[in-house]
Protein backbone atom coordinates (compact mmCIF):
# COMPACT_ATOMS: atom_id res chain seq x y z
CA MET A 1 -74.91 -14.68 -28.19
CA LYS A 2 -77.64 -13.67 -25.73
CA THR A 3 -76.34 -10.10 -25.82
CA LEU A 4 -76.52 -10.00 -29.62
CA VAL A 5 -80.10 -11.27 -29.61
CA ALA A 6 -81.05 -8.74 -26.92
CA VAL A 7 -79.50 -5.83 -28.89
CA ILE A 8 -81.24 -6.90 -32.13
CA GLY A 9 -84.53 -7.28 -30.28
CA LEU A 10 -84.15 -3.83 -28.74
CA LEU A 11 -83.38 -2.29 -32.15
CA LEU A 12 -86.45 -3.96 -33.69
CA ILE A 13 -88.65 -2.56 -30.92
CA ILE A 14 -87.24 0.95 -31.39
CA ILE A 15 -87.64 0.79 -35.17
CA GLY A 16 -91.15 -0.65 -34.81
CA CYS A 17 -92.22 2.18 -32.50
CA ASN A 18 -90.82 4.87 -34.78
CA SER A 19 -92.40 3.50 -37.93
CA THR A 20 -95.95 4.15 -36.67
CA LYS A 21 -95.48 7.91 -36.26
CA THR A 22 -97.23 10.15 -38.77
CA VAL A 23 -96.41 13.69 -39.69
CA ALA A 24 -99.08 16.13 -38.52
CA ASP A 25 -100.67 18.23 -41.23
CA VAL A 26 -100.45 21.81 -39.91
CA SER A 27 -103.13 23.02 -42.33
CA GLN A 28 -105.65 20.66 -40.71
CA ASN A 29 -104.82 21.81 -37.17
CA PRO A 30 -107.24 24.48 -35.96
CA LEU A 31 -104.76 25.51 -33.26
CA ALA A 32 -101.95 26.13 -35.74
CA LYS A 33 -100.40 29.56 -35.37
CA VAL A 34 -101.93 32.22 -37.60
CA SER A 35 -99.53 34.54 -39.36
CA ASP A 36 -99.02 37.80 -37.51
CA THR A 37 -98.65 39.81 -40.70
CA VAL A 38 -101.64 41.54 -42.26
CA LYS A 39 -100.97 43.04 -45.68
CA ILE A 40 -103.35 45.25 -47.60
CA ALA A 41 -102.35 46.35 -51.07
CA ASN A 42 -104.05 48.15 -53.93
CA ASP A 43 -102.00 48.73 -57.07
CA SER A 44 -104.46 51.21 -58.59
CA LEU A 45 -104.09 53.59 -55.62
CA GLU A 46 -100.41 52.71 -55.19
CA TYR A 47 -100.57 52.14 -51.45
CA GLU A 48 -99.66 49.28 -49.20
CA VAL A 49 -100.34 48.68 -45.54
CA ILE A 50 -98.39 46.03 -43.69
CA ILE A 51 -99.17 45.32 -40.05
CA ILE A 52 -96.61 43.12 -38.31
CA ASP A 53 -97.47 42.72 -34.66
CA PRO A 54 -97.52 39.43 -32.78
CA GLY A 55 -101.05 38.58 -31.81
CA PHE A 56 -102.90 41.06 -34.02
CA SER A 57 -104.25 38.47 -36.46
CA SER A 58 -105.65 36.28 -33.72
CA TRP A 59 -107.04 39.34 -31.89
CA LEU A 60 -108.69 40.54 -35.10
CA SER A 61 -110.37 37.20 -35.75
CA GLY A 62 -111.39 36.59 -32.15
CA ARG A 63 -112.08 39.89 -30.43
CA ALA A 64 -112.68 42.66 -32.98
CA LEU A 65 -116.22 43.64 -33.81
CA PRO A 66 -117.37 42.20 -37.16
CA ARG A 67 -117.07 43.96 -40.48
CA GLY A 68 -120.09 46.15 -41.07
CA TYR A 69 -120.52 47.05 -37.40
CA TYR A 70 -119.07 50.54 -37.96
CA SER A 71 -119.87 52.79 -40.90
CA GLU A 72 -117.05 53.64 -43.27
CA ASN A 73 -117.39 57.32 -42.37
CA TYR A 74 -116.97 56.53 -38.66
CA LEU A 75 -113.82 54.51 -39.39
CA GLU A 76 -112.35 57.26 -41.57
CA VAL A 77 -112.91 59.93 -38.89
CA LYS A 78 -111.46 57.77 -36.11
CA ASN A 79 -108.48 56.76 -38.27
CA GLN A 80 -107.71 60.39 -39.11
CA PHE A 81 -107.80 61.23 -35.40
CA TYR A 82 -105.61 58.28 -34.40
CA VAL A 83 -103.13 58.81 -37.26
CA THR A 84 -102.71 62.48 -36.33
CA GLU A 85 -101.88 61.58 -32.73
CA TRP A 86 -99.65 58.67 -33.80
CA ASN A 87 -97.65 60.93 -36.15
CA ARG A 88 -97.32 63.58 -33.45
CA ARG A 89 -95.79 60.95 -31.16
CA ALA A 90 -93.55 59.54 -33.89
CA MET A 91 -92.08 63.02 -34.44
CA GLN A 92 -91.19 63.34 -30.72
CA PRO A 93 -88.83 60.43 -29.99
CA SER A 94 -87.57 62.06 -26.80
CA LEU A 95 -91.07 61.92 -25.29
CA TYR A 96 -92.47 58.66 -26.66
CA ASP A 97 -91.11 55.15 -26.97
CA THR A 98 -89.45 54.80 -30.37
CA ASN A 99 -90.09 51.05 -30.29
CA LEU A 100 -93.83 51.77 -30.38
CA TYR A 101 -93.85 54.76 -32.72
CA GLU A 102 -91.12 53.83 -35.18
CA MET A 103 -92.40 55.74 -38.21
CA GLN A 104 -95.13 58.06 -39.31
CA ILE A 105 -98.28 56.82 -41.03
CA ASN A 106 -99.15 58.40 -44.35
CA TYR A 107 -102.95 58.44 -44.22
CA ASP A 108 -104.59 61.01 -46.51
CA MET A 109 -108.21 61.87 -45.69
CA ASN A 110 -108.73 62.89 -49.35
CA ILE A 111 -108.05 59.36 -50.59
CA HIS A 112 -110.86 56.82 -50.51
CA TYR A 113 -109.14 53.69 -49.19
CA GLY A 114 -112.29 51.63 -48.93
CA TYR A 115 -114.00 49.91 -46.05
CA GLU A 116 -111.57 47.01 -45.60
CA VAL A 117 -108.47 49.20 -45.25
CA ASN A 118 -110.19 51.55 -42.81
CA TYR A 119 -111.58 48.61 -40.83
CA LEU A 120 -108.16 46.98 -40.44
CA ILE A 121 -106.35 50.21 -39.58
CA TYR A 122 -108.99 51.17 -37.02
CA ASN A 123 -108.85 47.76 -35.40
CA TYR A 124 -105.08 47.87 -35.29
CA PHE A 125 -105.28 51.17 -33.39
CA ILE A 126 -107.72 49.60 -30.90
CA TYR A 127 -105.48 46.54 -30.53
CA PHE A 128 -102.36 48.70 -30.17
CA GLN A 129 -103.87 50.90 -27.47
CA ASN A 130 -105.13 47.97 -25.43
CA ARG A 131 -102.03 45.80 -25.87
CA TYR A 132 -99.42 48.46 -25.13
CA ASN A 133 -101.49 50.51 -22.67
CA GLN A 134 -101.37 53.62 -24.84
CA ARG A 135 -104.11 56.20 -25.25
CA LEU A 136 -104.18 58.01 -28.55
CA GLY A 137 -107.16 60.01 -27.30
CA GLY A 138 -110.85 59.55 -26.79
CA PHE A 139 -112.68 56.44 -25.70
CA VAL A 140 -110.93 53.16 -26.51
CA PRO A 141 -113.17 50.09 -26.51
CA VAL A 142 -111.76 47.18 -24.54
CA GLN A 143 -112.29 44.31 -26.92
């Protein structure tokens, strides 16, 4: 009889401890993981940019210079330079790591992509060069 009472008492303690737990709301947690996918789409120009790289979203929000810091013209020129070098490396898989340069980037200097697209692409190139210790040419800010 004492054993039965002890087992029931132990079960009540376990159930009582578990009933006070609450489920954490991830949306309220400021330390919740931010998605590592950045997608930019514009149906009128029929283009889509998807950046999937672990850590880029948090780097962009925490370390990149703010929007408006660079002019749109500056971003377009730098992006054209970086894209040209990137594509050159993507076309030479025997010389460059195919895990880094998986595919070419179709960036046309004659298309006006807008500030936001150029800002995100430029910052991805900065992030990529710093993260993977690559130099696509020129000065790379350490941000």
